[in-house]
C-alpha cells in the first residue's frame, strides 16, 4: 500500500486526531492515502464515523501495541 502522507497524533485525544486528519486530507488529491497513528482508543470509533460523514474511505484500521493506525483514502 502506497501511503502518500503520514500523521502522528500520538498523545492527542478526540477531537484533535480527527481535526488534524481533516486538515491533512484537504491538502491531498483524490485517491491519495493518509495514514494516521493515534494512541486514543476511541479513535477507532471516531475515524469510522468521520469516514462515513465525509465520504472518504476508511481503507484499514489496526492496533499495534498501544498505537491505533487508520488509513484513509481521499475522496
N, C-alpha and C. Protein backbone atom coordinates (compact mmCIF):
# COMPACT_ATOMS: atom_id res chain seq x y z
N UNK A 1 0.85 -1.18 0.00
CA UNK A 1 0.00 0.00 0.00
C UNK A 1 0.89 1.25 0.00
N UNK A 2 0.67 2.14 -0.93
CA UNK A 2 1.46 3.36 -1.08
C UNK A 2 0.84 4.48 -0.25
N UNK A 3 1.45 4.79 0.91
CA UNK A 3 0.96 5.87 1.76
C UNK A 3 1.53 7.19 1.24
N UNK A 4 0.65 8.17 1.03
CA UNK A 4 1.08 9.46 0.49
C UNK A 4 1.46 10.46 1.58
N UNK A 5 0.82 10.31 2.75
CA UNK A 5 1.09 11.23 3.85
C UNK A 5 0.86 10.50 5.16
N UNK A 6 1.69 10.79 6.15
CA UNK A 6 1.53 10.16 7.46
C UNK A 6 1.40 11.24 8.52
N UNK A 7 0.50 10.97 9.47
CA UNK A 7 0.21 11.92 10.53
C UNK A 7 0.38 11.22 11.87
N UNK A 8 1.22 11.77 12.74
CA UNK A 8 1.44 11.20 14.07
C UNK A 8 0.64 12.02 15.08
N UNK A 9 -0.43 11.43 15.61
CA UNK A 9 -1.25 12.15 16.58
C UNK A 9 -1.17 11.46 17.95
N UNK A 10 -0.07 10.76 18.20
CA UNK A 10 0.12 10.10 19.50
C UNK A 10 0.05 11.13 20.61
N UNK A 11 -0.65 10.77 21.69
CA UNK A 11 -0.76 11.66 22.84
C UNK A 11 -1.92 12.65 22.75
N UNK A 12 -2.55 12.73 21.59
CA UNK A 12 -3.69 13.65 21.43
C UNK A 12 -5.00 12.88 21.57
N UNK A 13 -5.98 13.51 22.20
CA UNK A 13 -7.30 12.89 22.36
C UNK A 13 -8.31 13.56 21.46
N UNK A 14 -9.43 12.89 21.27
CA UNK A 14 -10.52 13.38 20.45
C UNK A 14 -10.89 14.79 20.90
N UNK A 15 -11.11 15.70 20.00
CA UNK A 15 -11.25 15.56 18.55
C UNK A 15 -9.97 15.88 17.77
N UNK A 16 -8.85 16.09 18.44
CA UNK A 16 -7.64 16.55 17.74
C UNK A 16 -7.16 15.62 16.62
N UNK A 17 -7.10 14.29 16.80
CA UNK A 17 -6.67 13.45 15.67
C UNK A 17 -7.57 13.62 14.44
N UNK A 18 -8.88 13.73 14.67
CA UNK A 18 -9.84 13.91 13.56
C UNK A 18 -9.61 15.26 12.89
N UNK A 19 -9.45 16.31 13.68
CA UNK A 19 -9.26 17.64 13.11
C UNK A 19 -7.97 17.72 12.29
N UNK A 20 -6.90 17.12 12.79
CA UNK A 20 -5.64 17.11 12.05
C UNK A 20 -5.76 16.29 10.77
N UNK A 21 -6.49 15.18 10.83
CA UNK A 21 -6.70 14.36 9.64
C UNK A 21 -7.53 15.11 8.60
N UNK A 22 -8.55 15.82 9.07
CA UNK A 22 -9.40 16.59 8.16
C UNK A 22 -8.57 17.64 7.42
N UNK A 23 -7.69 18.33 8.16
CA UNK A 23 -6.84 19.35 7.54
C UNK A 23 -5.88 18.71 6.53
N UNK A 24 -5.28 17.59 6.91
CA UNK A 24 -4.34 16.91 6.01
C UNK A 24 -5.04 16.43 4.74
N UNK A 25 -6.22 15.86 4.88
CA UNK A 25 -6.97 15.37 3.72
C UNK A 25 -7.33 16.51 2.77
N UNK A 26 -7.62 17.68 3.32
CA UNK A 26 -7.99 18.84 2.49
C UNK A 26 -6.83 19.26 1.59
N UNK A 27 -5.60 18.97 2.01
CA UNK A 27 -4.41 19.35 1.23
C UNK A 27 -3.99 18.26 0.25
N UNK A 28 -4.70 17.12 0.26
CA UNK A 28 -4.33 15.98 -0.58
C UNK A 28 -5.22 15.89 -1.81
N UNK A 29 -4.78 15.10 -2.78
CA UNK A 29 -5.54 14.90 -4.02
C UNK A 29 -6.42 13.66 -3.89
N UNK A 30 -7.44 13.61 -4.72
CA UNK A 30 -8.34 12.47 -4.75
C UNK A 30 -7.57 11.17 -4.96
N UNK A 31 -7.90 10.17 -4.16
CA UNK A 31 -7.27 8.86 -4.28
C UNK A 31 -6.01 8.67 -3.45
N UNK A 32 -5.46 9.75 -2.90
CA UNK A 32 -4.26 9.62 -2.09
C UNK A 32 -4.60 9.02 -0.72
N UNK A 33 -3.60 8.37 -0.10
CA UNK A 33 -3.80 7.69 1.18
C UNK A 33 -3.12 8.44 2.32
N UNK A 34 -3.87 8.60 3.41
CA UNK A 34 -3.37 9.22 4.63
C UNK A 34 -3.34 8.17 5.73
N UNK A 35 -2.19 8.03 6.38
CA UNK A 35 -2.03 7.10 7.50
C UNK A 35 -1.95 7.93 8.77
N UNK A 36 -2.86 7.65 9.71
CA UNK A 36 -2.89 8.37 10.98
C UNK A 36 -2.56 7.39 12.10
N UNK A 37 -1.58 7.75 12.93
CA UNK A 37 -1.22 6.93 14.09
C UNK A 37 -1.68 7.67 15.33
N UNK A 38 -2.46 6.99 16.17
CA UNK A 38 -3.04 7.60 17.36
C UNK A 38 -2.85 6.68 18.56
N UNK A 39 -2.89 7.25 19.75
CA UNK A 39 -2.87 6.45 20.97
C UNK A 39 -4.22 6.49 21.67
N UNK A 40 -5.18 7.20 21.10
CA UNK A 40 -6.51 7.32 21.68
C UNK A 40 -7.35 6.11 21.28
N UNK A 41 -7.74 5.26 22.26
CA UNK A 41 -8.54 4.07 21.94
C UNK A 41 -9.87 4.41 21.27
N UNK A 42 -10.41 5.58 21.54
CA UNK A 42 -11.67 5.99 20.93
C UNK A 42 -11.52 6.39 19.47
N UNK A 43 -10.29 6.50 19.01
CA UNK A 43 -10.06 6.93 17.63
C UNK A 43 -10.59 5.91 16.62
N UNK A 44 -10.66 4.64 17.00
CA UNK A 44 -11.18 3.62 16.10
C UNK A 44 -12.63 3.94 15.73
N UNK A 45 -13.42 4.22 16.72
CA UNK A 45 -14.83 4.59 16.50
C UNK A 45 -14.93 5.95 15.81
N UNK A 46 -14.08 6.90 16.24
CA UNK A 46 -14.14 8.25 15.70
C UNK A 46 -13.82 8.29 14.20
N UNK A 47 -12.80 7.54 13.77
CA UNK A 47 -12.43 7.55 12.36
C UNK A 47 -13.47 6.83 11.49
N UNK A 48 -14.13 5.83 12.06
CA UNK A 48 -15.20 5.16 11.34
C UNK A 48 -16.34 6.15 11.06
N UNK A 49 -16.74 6.90 12.08
CA UNK A 49 -17.80 7.90 11.93
C UNK A 49 -17.35 9.02 10.99
N UNK A 50 -16.10 9.46 11.12
CA UNK A 50 -15.57 10.53 10.28
C UNK A 50 -15.61 10.14 8.81
N UNK A 51 -15.22 8.92 8.50
CA UNK A 51 -15.22 8.46 7.11
C UNK A 51 -16.64 8.45 6.55
N UNK A 52 -17.59 7.98 7.35
CA UNK A 52 -18.99 7.95 6.88
C UNK A 52 -19.52 9.36 6.64
N UNK A 53 -19.17 10.30 7.51
CA UNK A 53 -19.68 11.67 7.40
C UNK A 53 -19.07 12.42 6.23
N UNK A 54 -17.80 12.15 5.93
CA UNK A 54 -17.09 12.94 4.92
C UNK A 54 -17.04 12.29 3.54
N UNK A 55 -17.35 11.00 3.47
CA UNK A 55 -17.29 10.31 2.19
C UNK A 55 -15.91 9.79 1.83
N UNK A 56 -14.93 9.99 2.71
CA UNK A 56 -13.61 9.42 2.49
C UNK A 56 -13.67 7.94 2.86
N UNK A 57 -12.84 7.12 2.23
CA UNK A 57 -12.83 5.68 2.51
C UNK A 57 -11.89 5.36 3.65
N UNK A 58 -12.37 4.59 4.61
CA UNK A 58 -11.52 4.07 5.67
C UNK A 58 -11.01 2.73 5.16
N UNK A 59 -9.78 2.73 4.66
CA UNK A 59 -9.21 1.58 3.98
C UNK A 59 -8.78 0.51 4.97
N UNK A 60 -8.24 0.94 6.11
CA UNK A 60 -7.68 -0.02 7.06
C UNK A 60 -7.65 0.57 8.45
N UNK A 61 -7.88 -0.28 9.46
CA UNK A 61 -7.69 0.09 10.85
C UNK A 61 -7.01 -1.08 11.54
N UNK A 62 -6.04 -0.80 12.37
CA UNK A 62 -5.39 -1.87 13.12
C UNK A 62 -4.79 -1.30 14.40
N UNK A 63 -4.56 -2.19 15.36
CA UNK A 63 -3.91 -1.82 16.61
C UNK A 63 -2.56 -2.52 16.66
N UNK A 64 -1.53 -1.75 16.97
CA UNK A 64 -0.18 -2.29 17.12
C UNK A 64 0.36 -1.80 18.45
N UNK A 65 0.43 -2.68 19.43
CA UNK A 65 0.86 -2.26 20.75
C UNK A 65 -0.13 -1.25 21.30
N UNK A 66 0.34 -0.08 21.64
CA UNK A 66 -0.54 0.98 22.14
C UNK A 66 -0.98 1.96 21.06
N UNK A 67 -0.62 1.68 19.82
CA UNK A 67 -0.97 2.57 18.71
C UNK A 67 -2.18 2.06 17.94
N UNK A 68 -2.99 2.99 17.49
CA UNK A 68 -4.13 2.68 16.64
C UNK A 68 -3.85 3.34 15.30
N UNK A 69 -3.84 2.52 14.24
CA UNK A 69 -3.46 3.01 12.92
C UNK A 69 -4.68 3.01 12.01
N UNK A 70 -4.87 4.15 11.36
CA UNK A 70 -6.02 4.35 10.47
C UNK A 70 -5.50 4.80 9.11
N UNK A 71 -5.99 4.18 8.04
CA UNK A 71 -5.61 4.59 6.69
C UNK A 71 -6.87 5.06 5.98
N UNK A 72 -6.84 6.31 5.56
CA UNK A 72 -7.98 6.93 4.87
C UNK A 72 -7.60 7.23 3.42
N UNK A 73 -8.55 7.03 2.53
CA UNK A 73 -8.37 7.35 1.12
C UNK A 73 -9.19 8.60 0.81
N UNK A 74 -8.50 9.61 0.30
CA UNK A 74 -9.16 10.89 0.00
C UNK A 74 -10.20 10.70 -1.10
N UNK A 75 -11.38 11.24 -0.87
CA UNK A 75 -12.46 11.13 -1.87
C UNK A 75 -12.24 12.09 -3.01
